Amino acid sequence: MPTREQPLQWGAQALWQQLEPLLPGLSVEVVRRAESTNSALLERARALPDAPRDSANVRVRRSVESAAFGRRAVDLQPCLLVAEHQSGGRGRQGRLWQSAPGASLTFSLGLPLALADWSGLSLAVGVALCEALDPAAPDAPGPHLGLKWPNDLWLMRSAAAGAAAEGRKLGGILIETVAAGAQRLVVVGIGLNVLPFDTDGVNTGFASLRELDPAASAPQVLARLALPLVQALKEFEREGFAAFAARYAARDLLYGLPVRTTLAEVPDGIARGVSAQGALLVQSAAGIASVSSGEVSVRLAPPAAPAP
């Protein structure tokens, strides 16, 4: 694992050169440590919400690799913020996201988006990440990446005929927004396990990208993800979730499985994919109900006990 004497090489300038044509005004920052990259970008956007968005408001601080890419006093323009160690990463509903220096990739991308409908954005981001990291068809032999609604990446392994596939959590997505003038600034936070490391209290299993690519490193994975992520966000801005619906369905690991929700009207049922807006469809005795990501957490129901 890289040490402080052998720092990670992130290629911040190359990332900037690749992404800036799609995101004019982009800044790229790599920091040794942050409590939460999402929180950092949200706080910067809230600091001076009415400030003009021009170069006079840009203050650059030396980053890990380059004096040309660093923190800005006002980040209403696009910003890619990478933390080599994230000490207080957050998941959905305030859950802790565990990471380890050198073994995890934790970053956030903030950019203003003008969207008529934000529904399904986390699913679209998940599709982009899966396709960038695991471009083979999801039904190809061997391990593959699947998506657990609404924002988790799982490493799946095919099981014997007639048995359910086995999976473990590999990463997560956290999307938050804040007002940015006439638009909203969206902050897309990504956390991925790259190398194995010790975790506490994880009940979803643990998977790392080294199981797919023995040479995977955090900087290499970021280089693979950054452009497809930006392209997907731009595509979503133009076309919405419709552009991703079929691709999400191909990676949907819940489809056809029993699930349990915290929604009183739909405590359990069978997952039947997602709606045109990205809501989870759950079939129960009462029919098919639509479950929105902000309302519930979803857990796979345990297998039924064998009959006596």
C-alpha atoms as a PDB file:
ATOM      1  CA  MET A   1       0.000   0.000   0.000  1.00  0.00           C
ATOM      2  CA  PRO A   2       1.430   3.491  -0.811  1.00  0.00           C
ATOM      3  CA  THR A   3       2.987   5.331   2.153  1.00  0.00           C
ATOM      4  CA  ARG A   4       3.635   8.990   2.865  1.00  0.00           C
ATOM      5  CA  GLU A   5       7.168   8.405   1.513  1.00  0.00           C
ATOM      6  CA  GLN A   6       5.622   6.999  -1.663  1.00  0.00           C
ATOM      7  CA  PRO A   7       2.692   9.350  -2.337  1.00  0.00           C
ATOM      8  CA  LEU A   8      -0.038   8.480  -4.767  1.00  0.00           C
ATOM      9  CA  GLN A   9       0.308  10.129  -8.171  1.00  0.00           C
ATOM     10  CA  TRP A  10      -3.135  11.375  -9.217  1.00  0.00           C
ATOM     11  CA  GLY A  11      -2.381  13.111 -12.508  1.00  0.00           C
ATOM     12  CA  ALA A  12      -4.455  16.165 -11.567  1.00  0.00           C
ATOM     13  CA  GLN A  13      -3.303  18.157 -14.571  1.00  0.00           C
ATOM     14  CA  ALA A  14      -4.169  15.353 -17.000  1.00  0.00           C
ATOM     15  CA  LEU A  15      -7.612  15.039 -15.418  1.00  0.00           C
ATOM     16  CA  TRP A  16      -8.152  18.775 -15.771  1.00  0.00           C
ATOM     17  CA  GLN A  17      -7.083  18.765 -19.413  1.00  0.00           C
ATOM     18  CA  GLN A  18      -9.440  15.885 -20.153  1.00  0.00           C
ATOM     19  CA  LEU A  19     -12.490  17.270 -18.346  1.00  0.00           C
ATOM     20  CA  GLU A  20     -12.263  21.047 -18.699  1.00  0.00           C
ATOM     21  CA  PRO A  21     -13.584  21.137 -22.292  1.00  0.00           C
ATOM     22  CA  LEU A  22     -16.804  19.574 -20.985  1.00  0.00           C
ATOM     23  CA  LEU A  23     -16.792  21.565 -17.732  1.00  0.00           C
ATOM     24  CA  PRO A  24     -15.471  25.085 -18.403  1.00  0.00           C
ATOM     25  CA  GLY A  25     -14.115  26.683 -15.258  1.00  0.00           C
ATOM     26  CA  LEU A  26     -13.289  23.310 -13.689  1.00  0.00           C
ATOM     27  CA  SER A  27     -10.867  23.088 -10.785  1.00  0.00           C
ATOM     28  CA  VAL A  28      -9.201  19.851  -9.657  1.00  0.00           C
ATOM     29  CA  GLU A  29      -8.013  19.401  -6.083  1.00  0.00           C
ATOM     30  CA  VAL A  30      -6.346  16.495  -4.318  1.00  0.00           C
ATOM     31  CA  VAL A  31      -6.041  16.661  -0.518  1.00  0.00           C
ATOM     32  CA  ARG A  32      -4.441  14.280   1.935  1.00  0.00           C
ATOM     33  CA  ARG A  33      -7.413  14.207   4.264  1.00  0.00           C
ATOM     34  CA  ALA A  34     -10.987  15.482   4.422  1.00  0.00           C
ATOM     35  CA  GLU A  35     -13.857  14.692   6.704  1.00  0.00           C
ATOM     36  CA  SER A  36     -16.253  14.509   3.747  1.00  0.00           C
ATOM     37  CA  THR A  37     -15.626  15.681   0.187  1.00  0.00           C
ATOM     38  CA  ASN A  38     -19.361  16.172  -0.321  1.00  0.00           C
ATOM     39  CA  SER A  39     -19.637  18.349   2.775  1.00  0.00           C
ATOM     40  CA  ALA A  40     -16.592  20.391   1.727  1.00  0.00           C
ATOM     41  CA  LEU A  41     -18.078  21.266  -1.676  1.00  0.00           C
ATOM     42  CA  LEU A  42     -21.506  22.017  -0.227  1.00  0.00           C
ATOM     43  CA  GLU A  43     -19.978  24.339   2.373  1.00  0.00           C
ATOM     44  CA  ARG A  44     -18.012  26.205  -0.268  1.00  0.00           C
ATOM     45  CA  ALA A  45     -21.109  26.659  -2.408  1.00  0.00           C
ATOM     46  CA  ARG A  46     -23.079  27.980   0.570  1.00  0.00           C
ATOM     47  CA  ALA A  47     -20.341  30.365   1.706  1.00  0.00           C
ATOM     48  CA  LEU A  48     -21.198  33.157  -0.743  1.00  0.00           C
ATOM     49  CA  PRO A  49     -24.272  31.993  -2.682  1.00  0.00           C
ATOM     50  CA  ASP A  50     -24.780  35.383  -4.381  1.00  0.00           C
ATOM     51  CA  ALA A  51     -21.161  36.024  -5.350  1.00  0.00           C
ATOM     52  CA  PRO A  52     -20.422  36.623  -9.053  1.00  0.00           C
ATOM     53  CA  ARG A  53     -19.048  33.566 -10.786  1.00  0.00           C
ATOM     54  CA  ASP A  54     -15.901  34.960 -12.389  1.00  0.00           C
ATOM     55  CA  SER A  55     -12.160  34.577 -12.044  1.00  0.00           C
ATOM     56  CA  ALA A  56     -11.912  37.402  -9.488  1.00  0.00           C
ATOM     57  CA  ASN A  57     -13.473  35.043  -6.939  1.00  0.00           C
ATOM     58  CA  VAL A  58     -10.998  32.243  -7.513  1.00  0.00           C
ATOM     59  CA  ARG A  59      -8.289  31.745  -4.885  1.00  0.00           C
ATOM     60  CA  VAL A  60      -5.958  28.837  -5.558  1.00  0.00           C
ATOM     61  CA  ARG A  61      -4.063  27.040  -2.799  1.00  0.00           C
ATOM     62  CA  ARG A  62      -1.275  24.576  -3.480  1.00  0.00           C
ATOM     63  CA  SER A  63      -2.694  21.059  -3.727  1.00  0.00           C
ATOM     64  CA  VAL A  64      -0.879  17.747  -3.375  1.00  0.00           C
ATOM     65  CA  GLU A  65       0.492  17.830  -6.911  1.00  0.00           C
ATOM     66  CA  SER A  66       0.256  21.256  -8.486  1.00  0.00           C
ATOM     67  CA  ALA A  67      -0.086  24.921  -7.631  1.00  0.00           C
ATOM     68  CA  ALA A  68      -2.330  25.278 -10.685  1.00  0.00           C
ATOM     69  CA  PHE A  69      -5.133  23.161  -9.276  1.00  0.00           C
ATOM     70  CA  GLY A  70      -6.484  23.845  -5.842  1.00  0.00           C
ATOM     71  CA  ARG A  71      -9.189  25.079  -3.543  1.00  0.00           C
ATOM     72  CA  ARG A  72     -11.288  28.028  -4.615  1.00  0.00           C
ATOM     73  CA  ALA A  73     -12.846  30.521  -2.253  1.00  0.00           C
ATOM     74  CA  VAL A  74     -16.155  30.129  -4.080  1.00  0.00           C
ATOM     75  CA  ASP A  75     -17.022  26.863  -5.784  1.00  0.00           C
ATOM     76  CA  LEU A  76     -20.167  27.475  -7.760  1.00  0.00           C
ATOM     77  CA  GLN A  77     -18.195  26.391 -10.801  1.00  0.00           C
ATOM     78  CA  PRO A  78     -17.342  22.732 -11.461  1.00  0.00           C
ATOM     79  CA  CYS A  79     -14.915  21.195  -8.982  1.00  0.00           C
ATOM     80  CA  LEU A  80     -13.431  17.710  -8.660  1.00  0.00           C
ATOM     81  CA  LEU A  81     -12.287  17.135  -5.073  1.00  0.00           C
ATOM     82  CA  VAL A  82     -10.348  13.974  -4.193  1.00  0.00           C
ATOM     83  CA  ALA A  83      -9.427  12.983  -0.635  1.00  0.00           C
ATOM     84  CA  GLU A  84      -6.731  10.370  -0.131  1.00  0.00           C
ATOM     85  CA  HIS A  85      -8.328   9.694   3.257  1.00  0.00           C
ATOM     86  CA  GLN A  86     -11.924  10.586   4.075  1.00  0.00           C
ATOM     87  CA  SER A  87     -12.413  10.415   7.828  1.00  0.00           C
ATOM     88  CA  GLY A  88     -16.150  11.066   8.015  1.00  0.00           C
ATOM     89  CA  GLY A  89     -17.613   9.853   4.740  1.00  0.00           C
ATOM     90  CA  ARG A  90     -21.385   9.711   4.571  1.00  0.00           C
ATOM     91  CA  GLY A  91     -23.810   7.412   2.815  1.00  0.00           C
ATOM     92  CA  ARG A  92     -27.572   7.641   2.401  1.00  0.00           C
ATOM     93  CA  GLN A  93     -29.578   8.635   5.477  1.00  0.00           C
ATOM     94  CA  GLY A  94     -26.437   9.663   7.339  1.00  0.00           C
ATOM     95  CA  ARG A  95     -24.792   6.248   7.398  1.00  0.00           C
ATOM     96  CA  LEU A  96     -21.022   6.120   7.866  1.00  0.00           C
ATOM     97  CA  TRP A  97     -18.923   5.204   4.823  1.00  0.00           C
ATOM     98  CA  GLN A  98     -15.694   3.508   5.871  1.00  0.00           C
ATOM     99  CA  SER A  99     -12.486   4.047   3.913  1.00  0.00           C
ATOM    100  CA  ALA A 100      -8.744   3.588   4.301  1.00  0.00           C
ATOM    101  CA  PRO A 101      -5.854   5.667   2.905  1.00  0.00           C
ATOM    102  CA  GLY A 102      -4.558   4.161  -0.317  1.00  0.00           C
ATOM    103  CA  ALA A 103      -7.163   1.394  -0.265  1.00  0.00           C
ATOM    104  CA  SER A 104     -10.206   3.529  -1.094  1.00  0.00           C
ATOM    105  CA  LEU A 105     -11.183   6.025  -3.752  1.00  0.00           C
ATOM    106  CA  THR A 106     -13.246   8.852  -2.275  1.00  0.00           C
ATOM    107  CA  PHE A 107     -14.085  11.915  -4.327  1.00  0.00           C
ATOM    108  CA  SER A 108     -16.859  14.345  -5.140  1.00  0.00           C
ATOM    109  CA  LEU A 109     -17.713  16.184  -8.319  1.00  0.00           C
ATOM    110  CA  GLY A 110     -19.681  19.399  -7.977  1.00  0.00           C
ATOM    111  CA  LEU A 111     -21.210  21.139 -10.974  1.00  0.00           C
ATOM    112  CA  PRO A 112     -24.274  23.264 -11.752  1.00  0.00           C
ATOM    113  CA  LEU A 113     -27.021  21.436 -13.622  1.00  0.00           C
ATOM    114  CA  ALA A 114     -30.302  22.683 -15.041  1.00  0.00           C
ATOM    115  CA  LEU A 115     -32.657  19.713 -14.789  1.00  0.00           C
ATOM    116  CA  ALA A 116     -36.398  19.568 -15.270  1.00  0.00           C
ATOM    117  CA  ASP A 117     -36.490  16.252 -13.394  1.00  0.00           C
ATOM    118  CA  TRP A 118     -33.814  14.988 -11.018  1.00  0.00           C
ATOM    119  CA  SER A 119     -35.458  11.567 -10.676  1.00  0.00           C
ATOM    120  CA  GLY A 120     -33.146   8.639 -11.314  1.00  0.00           C
ATOM    121  CA  LEU A 121     -29.897  10.622 -11.216  1.00  0.00           C
ATOM    122  CA  SER A 122     -28.190   8.259  -8.740  1.00  0.00           C
ATOM    123  CA  LEU A 123     -29.176   5.294 -10.938  1.00  0.00           C
ATOM    124  CA  ALA A 124     -27.661   6.962 -13.996  1.00  0.00           C
ATOM    125  CA  VAL A 125     -24.430   7.636 -12.105  1.00  0.00           C
ATOM    126  CA  GLY A 126     -24.349   3.990 -11.020  1.00  0.00           C
ATOM    127  CA  VAL A 127     -24.725   2.864 -14.632  1.00  0.00           C
ATOM    128  CA  ALA A 128     -21.833   5.087 -15.729  1.00  0.00           C
ATOM    129  CA  LEU A 129     -19.554   3.747 -12.979  1.00  0.00           C
ATOM    130  CA  CYS A 130     -20.385   0.108 -13.696  1.00  0.00           C
ATOM    131  CA  GLU A 131     -19.853   0.482 -17.428  1.00  0.00           C
ATOM    132  CA  ALA A 132     -16.515   2.233 -16.922  1.00  0.00           C
ATOM    133  CA  LEU A 133     -15.181  -0.292 -14.410  1.00  0.00           C
ATOM    134  CA  ASP A 134     -16.750  -3.446 -15.843  1.00  0.00           C
ATOM    135  CA  PRO A 135     -17.542  -2.950 -19.543  1.00  0.00           C
ATOM    136  CA  ALA A 136     -18.297  -6.631 -20.222  1.00  0.00           C
ATOM    137  CA  ALA A 137     -21.933  -7.674 -20.509  1.00  0.00           C
ATOM    138  CA  PRO A 138     -23.418  -8.270 -17.036  1.00  0.00           C
ATOM    139  CA  ASP A 139     -24.377 -11.835 -17.987  1.00  0.00           C
ATOM    140  CA  ALA A 140     -20.844 -12.738 -19.113  1.00  0.00           C
ATOM    141  CA  PRO A 141     -19.082 -15.491 -17.144  1.00  0.00           C
ATOM    142  CA  GLY A 142     -17.151 -14.505 -14.040  1.00  0.00           C
ATOM    143  CA  PRO A 143     -17.609 -11.723 -11.491  1.00  0.00           C
ATOM    144  CA  HIS A 144     -19.376  -8.562 -12.590  1.00  0.00           C
ATOM    145  CA  LEU A 145     -20.700  -5.314 -11.162  1.00  0.00           C
ATOM    146  CA  GLY A 146     -24.387  -4.944 -10.360  1.00  0.00           C
ATOM    147  CA  LEU A 147     -26.495  -2.106  -8.989  1.00  0.00           C
ATOM    148  CA  LYS A 148     -28.542  -2.329  -5.823  1.00  0.00           C
ATOM    149  CA  TRP A 149     -31.222   0.336  -5.872  1.00  0.00           C
ATOM    150  CA  PRO A 150     -30.843   3.201  -5.363  1.00  0.00           C
ATOM    151  CA  ASN A 151     -27.120   3.915  -4.981  1.00  0.00           C
ATOM    152  CA  ASP A 152     -24.881   0.909  -4.286  1.00  0.00           C
ATOM    153  CA  LEU A 153     -22.411  -0.983  -6.484  1.00  0.00           C
ATOM    154  CA  TRP A 154     -22.047  -4.680  -5.705  1.00  0.00           C
ATOM    155  CA  LEU A 155     -19.594  -7.254  -6.961  1.00  0.00           C
ATOM    156  CA  MET A 156     -21.658 -10.242  -8.079  1.00  0.00           C
ATOM    157  CA  ARG A 157     -20.597 -13.818  -8.666  1.00  0.00           C
ATOM    158  CA  SER A 158     -22.719 -16.255 -10.619  1.00  0.00           C
ATOM    159  CA  ALA A 159     -23.943 -19.226  -8.629  1.00  0.00           C
ATOM    160  CA  ALA A 160     -24.796 -22.775  -9.594  1.00  0.00           C
ATOM    161  CA  ALA A 161     -27.886 -23.342 -11.730  1.00  0.00           C
ATOM    162  CA  GLY A 162     -31.036 -22.702  -9.742  1.00  0.00           C
ATOM    163  CA  ALA A 163     -29.233 -20.804  -6.973  1.00  0.00           C
ATOM    164  CA  ALA A 164     -29.249 -17.064  -6.351  1.00  0.00           C
ATOM    165  CA  ALA A 165     -26.184 -15.068  -7.349  1.00  0.00           C
ATOM    166  CA  GLU A 166     -23.908 -14.003  -4.511  1.00  0.00           C
ATOM    167  CA  GLY A 167     -22.865 -10.409  -4.012  1.00  0.00           C
ATOM    168  CA  ARG A 168     -20.923  -8.055  -1.765  1.00  0.00           C
ATOM    169  CA  LYS A 169     -20.920  -4.270  -1.558  1.00  0.00           C
ATOM    170  CA  LEU A 170     -18.099  -2.546  -3.434  1.00  0.00           C
ATOM    171  CA  GLY A 171     -19.098   1.106  -3.462  1.00  0.00           C
ATOM    172  CA  GLY A 172     -21.735   3.742  -2.975  1.00  0.00           C
ATOM    173  CA  ILE A 173     -23.030   7.005  -4.393  1.00  0.00           C
ATOM    174  CA  LEU A 174     -24.279  10.045  -2.465  1.00  0.00           C
ATOM    175  CA  ILE A 175     -25.934  12.874  -4.408  1.00  0.00           C
ATOM    176  CA  GLU A 176     -26.735  16.194  -2.748  1.00  0.00           C
ATOM    177  CA  THR A 177     -27.757  19.575  -4.153  1.00  0.00           C
ATOM    178  CA  VAL A 178     -27.656  23.219  -3.130  1.00  0.00           C
ATOM    179  CA  ALA A 179     -29.088  26.354  -4.773  1.00  0.00           C
ATOM    180  CA  ALA A 180     -26.613  28.060  -7.121  1.00  0.00           C
ATOM    181  CA  GLY A 181     -28.340  31.123  -8.526  1.00  0.00           C
ATOM    182  CA  ALA A 182     -30.948  30.133 -11.099  1.00  0.00           C
ATOM    183  CA  GLN A 183     -29.557  26.600 -11.183  1.00  0.00           C
ATOM    184  CA  ARG A 184     -28.698  24.018  -8.563  1.00  0.00           C
ATOM    185  CA  LEU A 185     -25.233  22.787  -7.803  1.00  0.00           C
ATOM    186  CA  VAL A 186     -25.202  19.002  -7.695  1.00  0.00           C
ATOM    187  CA  VAL A 187     -22.498  17.251  -5.694  1.00  0.00           C
ATOM    188  CA  VAL A 188     -21.928  13.637  -6.687  1.00  0.00           C
ATOM    189  CA  GLY A 189     -19.968  11.760  -4.043  1.00  0.00           C
ATOM    190  CA  ILE A 190     -18.351   8.417  -4.873  1.00  0.00           C
ATOM    191  CA  GLY A 191     -16.787   5.914  -2.493  1.00  0.00           C
ATOM    192  CA  LEU A 192     -15.195   2.733  -3.832  1.00  0.00           C
ATOM    193  CA  ASN A 193     -13.195  -0.053  -2.202  1.00  0.00           C
ATOM    194  CA  VAL A 194     -10.091  -0.485  -4.329  1.00  0.00           C
ATOM    195  CA  LEU A 195      -7.876  -2.690  -2.138  1.00  0.00           C
ATOM    196  CA  PRO A 196      -8.927  -4.959   0.737  1.00  0.00           C
ATOM    197  CA  PHE A 197      -8.889  -3.347   4.203  1.00  0.00           C
ATOM    198  CA  ASP A 198     -10.339  -4.031   7.632  1.00  0.00           C
ATOM    199  CA  THR A 199     -13.898  -2.832   8.244  1.00  0.00           C
ATOM    200  CA  ASP A 200     -16.103  -2.798  11.315  1.00  0.00           C
ATOM    201  CA  GLY A 201     -19.781  -3.683  11.449  1.00  0.00           C
ATOM    202  CA  VAL A 202     -20.281  -4.173   7.705  1.00  0.00           C
ATOM    203  CA  ASN A 203     -23.352  -6.351   7.147  1.00  0.00           C
ATOM    204  CA  THR A 204     -23.371  -6.275   3.333  1.00  0.00           C
ATOM    205  CA  GLY A 205     -20.124  -8.118   2.796  1.00  0.00           C
ATOM    206  CA  PHE A 206     -17.004  -6.430   1.459  1.00  0.00           C
ATOM    207  CA  ALA A 207     -15.672  -6.418  -2.096  1.00  0.00           C
ATOM    208  CA  SER A 208     -12.795  -4.541  -3.704  1.00  0.00           C
ATOM    209  CA  LEU A 209     -11.883  -3.675  -7.281  1.00  0.00           C
ATOM    210  CA  ARG A 210      -8.707  -5.744  -6.961  1.00  0.00           C
ATOM    211  CA  GLU A 211     -11.013  -8.757  -7.412  1.00  0.00           C
ATOM    212  CA  LEU A 212     -11.837  -7.494 -10.917  1.00  0.00           C
ATOM    213  CA  ASP A 213      -8.453  -5.960 -11.727  1.00  0.00           C
ATOM    214  CA  PRO A 214      -5.393  -7.149  -9.759  1.00  0.00           C
ATOM    215  CA  ALA A 215      -3.530  -3.966 -10.773  1.00  0.00           C
ATOM    216  CA  ALA A 216      -6.236  -1.526  -9.646  1.00  0.00           C
ATOM    217  CA  SER A 217      -5.142   1.550  -7.688  1.00  0.00           C
ATOM    218  CA  ALA A 218      -7.149   4.566  -6.548  1.00  0.00           C
ATOM    219  CA  PRO A 219      -5.578   7.009  -9.069  1.00  0.00           C
ATOM    220  CA  GLN A 220      -5.966   4.492 -11.916  1.00  0.00           C
ATOM    221  CA  VAL A 221      -9.627   3.940 -11.065  1.00  0.00           C
ATOM    222  CA  LEU A 222     -10.302   7.689 -10.923  1.00  0.00           C
ATOM    223  CA  ALA A 223      -8.677   8.103 -14.345  1.00  0.00           C
ATOM    224  CA  ARG A 224     -11.046   5.453 -15.724  1.00  0.00           C
ATOM    225  CA  LEU A 225     -14.133   6.952 -14.097  1.00  0.00           C
ATOM    226  CA  ALA A 226     -13.819  10.703 -14.386  1.00  0.00           C
ATOM    227  CA  LEU A 227     -14.663  11.239 -18.054  1.00  0.00           C
ATOM    228  CA  PRO A 228     -17.514   8.657 -18.244  1.00  0.00           C
ATOM    229  CA  LEU A 229     -19.023  10.207 -15.107  1.00  0.00           C
ATOM    230  CA  VAL A 230     -18.984  13.714 -16.574  1.00  0.00           C
ATOM    231  CA  GLN A 231     -20.351  12.449 -19.890  1.00  0.00           C
ATOM    232  CA  ALA A 232     -23.176  10.648 -18.083  1.00  0.00           C
ATOM    233  CA  LEU A 233     -24.122  13.776 -16.123  1.00  0.00           C
ATOM    234  CA  LYS A 234     -24.243  15.775 -19.343  1.00  0.00           C
ATOM    235  CA  GLU A 235     -26.331  13.055 -20.999  1.00  0.00           C
ATOM    236  CA  PHE A 236     -28.705  13.036 -18.038  1.00  0.00           C
ATOM    237  CA  GLU A 237     -29.017  16.819 -18.255  1.00  0.00           C
ATOM    238  CA  ARG A 238     -30.091  16.494 -21.895  1.00  0.00           C
ATOM    239  CA  GLU A 239     -32.239  13.356 -21.807  1.00  0.00           C
ATOM    240  CA  GLY A 240     -33.033  12.445 -18.205  1.00  0.00           C
ATOM    241  CA  PHE A 241     -33.268   8.897 -16.861  1.00  0.00           C
ATOM    242  CA  ALA A 242     -34.785   7.583 -20.104  1.00  0.00           C
ATOM    243  CA  ALA A 243     -31.289   7.414 -21.617  1.00  0.00           C
ATOM    244  CA  PHE A 244     -30.182   5.044 -18.826  1.00  0.00           C
ATOM    245  CA  ALA A 245     -33.278   2.946 -18.091  1.00  0.00           C
ATOM    246  CA  ALA A 246     -32.395  -0.103 -20.224  1.00  0.00           C
ATOM    247  CA  ARG A 247     -28.760  -0.015 -19.111  1.00  0.00           C
ATOM    248  CA  TYR A 248     -29.831   0.124 -15.484  1.00  0.00           C
ATOM    249  CA  ALA A 249     -32.163  -2.833 -15.991  1.00  0.00           C
ATOM    250  CA  ALA A 250     -29.218  -4.899 -17.276  1.00  0.00           C
ATOM    251  CA  ARG A 251     -27.376  -4.295 -13.968  1.00  0.00           C
ATOM    252  CA  ASP A 252     -30.376  -4.412 -11.608  1.00  0.00           C
ATOM    253  CA  LEU A 253     -29.498  -7.069  -9.036  1.00  0.00           C
ATOM    254  CA  LEU A 254     -32.797  -6.769  -7.140  1.00  0.00           C
ATOM    255  CA  TYR A 255     -35.100  -7.654 -10.036  1.00  0.00           C
ATOM    256  CA  GLY A 256     -37.276 -10.667  -9.255  1.00  0.00           C
ATOM    257  CA  LEU A 257     -35.966 -11.005  -5.707  1.00  0.00           C
ATOM    258  CA  PRO A 258     -37.887 -10.633  -2.435  1.00  0.00           C
ATOM    259  CA  VAL A 259     -37.199  -7.283  -0.782  1.00  0.00           C
ATOM    260  CA  ARG A 260     -38.223  -5.682   2.477  1.00  0.00           C
ATOM    261  CA  THR A 261     -38.797  -1.956   2.820  1.00  0.00           C
ATOM    262  CA  THR A 262     -39.561   0.368   5.727  1.00  0.00           C
ATOM    263  CA  LEU A 263     -42.628   1.711   3.933  1.00  0.00           C
ATOM    264  CA  ALA A 264     -45.678   0.757   5.980  1.00  0.00           C
ATOM    265  CA  GLU A 265     -47.867   0.212   2.909  1.00  0.00           C
ATOM    266  CA  VAL A 266     -45.293  -2.063   1.251  1.00  0.00           C
ATOM    267  CA  PRO A 267     -43.387  -3.901   3.991  1.00  0.00           C
ATOM    268  CA  ASP A 268     -42.223  -6.615   1.619  1.00  0.00           C
ATOM    269  CA  GLY A 269     -42.713  -7.935  -1.873  1.00  0.00           C
ATOM    270  CA  ILE A 270     -40.895  -8.812  -5.085  1.00  0.00           C
ATOM    271  CA  ALA A 271     -38.733  -6.217  -6.859  1.00  0.00           C
ATOM    272  CA  ARG A 272     -39.975  -5.581 -10.395  1.00  0.00           C
ATOM    273  CA  GLY A 273     -37.442  -3.113 -11.713  1.00  0.00           C
ATOM    274  CA  VAL A 274     -37.823   0.650 -11.673  1.00  0.00           C
ATOM    275  CA  SER A 275     -40.306   3.148 -13.055  1.00  0.00           C
ATOM    276  CA  ALA A 276     -39.637   5.730 -15.765  1.00  0.00           C
ATOM    277  CA  GLN A 277     -38.641   8.079 -12.931  1.00  0.00           C
ATOM    278  CA  GLY A 278     -36.260   5.581 -11.312  1.00  0.00           C
ATOM    279  CA  ALA A 279     -38.514   4.602  -8.401  1.00  0.00           C
ATOM    280  CA  LEU A 280     -38.322   1.000  -7.221  1.00  0.00           C
ATOM    281  CA  LEU A 281     -41.344  -1.105  -8.208  1.00  0.00           C
ATOM    282  CA  VAL A 282     -42.382  -3.641  -5.576  1.00  0.00           C
ATOM    283  CA  GLN A 283     -45.073  -6.232  -6.209  1.00  0.00           C
ATOM    284  CA  SER A 284     -47.094  -7.421  -3.229  1.00  0.00           C
ATOM    285  CA  ALA A 285     -50.498  -8.953  -2.671  1.00  0.00           C
ATOM    286  CA  ALA A 286     -51.970  -5.462  -3.035  1.00  0.00           C
ATOM    287  CA  GLY A 287     -50.400  -4.903  -6.459  1.00  0.00           C
ATOM    288  CA  ILE A 288     -47.325  -3.009  -7.626  1.00  0.00           C
ATOM    289  CA  ALA A 289     -46.235  -0.042  -5.532  1.00  0.00           C
ATOM    290  CA  SER A 290     -43.686   2.637  -6.416  1.00  0.00           C
ATOM    291  CA  VAL A 291     -41.041   3.356  -3.795  1.00  0.00           C
ATOM    292  CA  SER A 292     -38.993   6.574  -4.008  1.00  0.00           C
ATOM    293  CA  SER A 293     -35.386   6.673  -2.848  1.00  0.00           C
ATOM    294  CA  GLY A 294     -35.999   9.384  -0.268  1.00  0.00           C
ATOM    295  CA  GLU A 295     -38.652   7.409   1.563  1.00  0.00           C
ATOM    296  CA  VAL A 296     -37.165   4.070   2.504  1.00  0.00           C
ATOM    297  CA  SER A 297     -34.153   1.859   2.755  1.00  0.00           C
ATOM    298  CA  VAL A 298     -34.449  -1.474   1.021  1.00  0.00           C
ATOM    299  CA  ARG A 299     -33.025  -4.750   2.250  1.00  0.00           C
ATOM    300  CA  LEU A 300     -33.112  -8.122   0.605  1.00  0.00           C
ATOM    301  CA  ALA A 301     -35.557 -10.262   2.538  1.00  0.00           C
ATOM    302  CA  PRO A 302     -33.958 -13.286   4.220  1.00  0.00           C
ATOM    303  CA  PRO A 303     -34.654 -16.642   2.570  1.00  0.00           C
ATOM    304  CA  ALA A 304     -37.696 -18.484   3.825  1.00  0.00           C
ATOM    305  CA  ALA A 305     -37.048 -21.086   6.515  1.00  0.00           C
ATOM    306  CA  PRO A 306     -37.286 -24.651   5.248  1.00  0.00           C
ATOM    307  CA  ALA A 307     -40.577 -26.417   5.918  1.00  0.00           C
ATOM    308  CA  PRO A 308     -40.490 -28.761   8.935  1.00  0.00           C
END
